[in-house]
Structures are given as structure tokens and as C-alpha cells.
Amino acid sequence: MKINTSYTPPIQPPQARPAAAPQSTERDSAESRLRELIAQRHAEFERHSPIEELGKHLDLRA
């Protein structure tokens, strides 16, 4: 007995979206906050390099 394997899921209607203007300003502010956070992380990494921290704890005596 062969089972029909050509199942296609039902098509979902598109979800209703709020007005475009508030959404774009929210996105812009979220993007700017993300850029600021990335810049902070880069600055922290430049000040405090994990590679240098690892080197402090290595015992290089042979």
C-alpha cells in the first residue's frame, strides 16, 4: 500500500502589521542602540585583550 507523500501544508494568510512609520522609527532606534553596543564591545576588547590574559597564566618553562 502506498501512502500519498505529496502533502502540502495549508497556506497561512499574511499577518496584519501596524503602521509603517512607528515600526521604522523603532527599528532605527534599535539599530542605533545595537551599533552603540557593538562599538562599546570593540572598545572593551581593545582595552582588555583576552589573548594577553591567557598569556599571563601560561607556564612556558620547558
Protein backbone atom coordinates (compact mmCIF):
# COMPACT_ATOMS: atom_id res chain seq x y z
CA MET A 1 0.00 0.00 0.00
CA LYS A 2 1.39 3.40 -1.00
CA ILE A 3 0.80 6.44 1.18
CA ASN A 4 0.38 9.80 -0.53
CA THR A 5 3.64 11.68 0.18
CA SER A 6 2.82 14.87 -1.71
CA TYR A 7 1.42 16.70 1.31
CA THR A 8 1.49 20.47 1.11
CA PRO A 9 0.77 22.46 4.27
CA PRO A 10 -2.12 24.93 4.15
CA ILE A 11 -1.26 28.47 3.15
CA GLN A 12 -1.31 30.86 6.08
CA PRO A 13 -2.72 34.36 5.50
CA PRO A 14 -0.21 37.19 5.98
CA GLN A 15 -0.17 38.64 9.47
CA ALA A 16 -1.54 42.14 9.95
CA ARG A 17 1.19 44.71 10.53
CA PRO A 18 0.93 48.01 12.44
CA ALA A 19 1.53 51.34 10.69
CA ALA A 20 4.90 51.57 8.94
CA ALA A 21 6.06 54.87 10.47
CA PRO A 22 6.26 53.75 14.14
CA GLN A 23 7.85 50.47 13.07
CA SER A 24 10.61 52.21 11.10
CA THR A 25 11.44 54.56 13.97
CA GLU A 26 11.55 51.62 16.39
CA ARG A 27 13.85 49.78 14.01
CA ASP A 28 16.09 52.81 13.57
CA SER A 29 16.42 53.30 17.31
CA ALA A 30 17.09 49.58 17.79
CA GLU A 31 19.77 49.68 15.09
CA SER A 32 21.43 52.71 16.66
CA ARG A 33 21.40 51.02 20.10
CA LEU A 34 22.93 47.92 18.54
CA ARG A 35 25.65 50.00 16.84
CA GLU A 36 26.46 51.68 20.16
CA LEU A 37 26.66 48.33 21.93
CA ILE A 38 28.96 46.91 19.23
CA ALA A 39 31.20 49.98 19.50
CA GLN A 40 31.37 49.54 23.28
CA ARG A 41 32.29 45.87 22.91
CA HIS A 42 35.01 46.72 20.39
CA ALA A 43 36.42 49.35 22.74
CA GLU A 44 36.39 46.88 25.65
CA PHE A 45 38.16 44.29 23.54
CA GLU A 46 40.85 46.78 22.52
CA ARG A 47 41.42 47.78 26.16
CA HIS A 48 41.32 44.25 27.53
CA SER A 49 42.62 41.65 25.10
CA PRO A 50 41.75 38.08 26.16
CA ILE A 51 44.86 36.77 24.40
CA GLU A 52 47.10 38.77 26.71
CA GLU A 53 45.16 37.42 29.70
CA LEU A 54 45.73 33.86 28.52
CA GLY A 55 49.45 34.51 28.13
CA LYS A 56 49.74 35.63 31.76
CA HIS A 57 48.66 32.22 33.01
CA LEU A 58 50.80 30.05 30.74
CA ASP A 59 53.81 28.30 32.22
CA LEU A 60 56.40 28.43 29.45
CA ARG A 61 59.15 26.62 31.36
CA ALA A 62 60.35 23.60 29.42
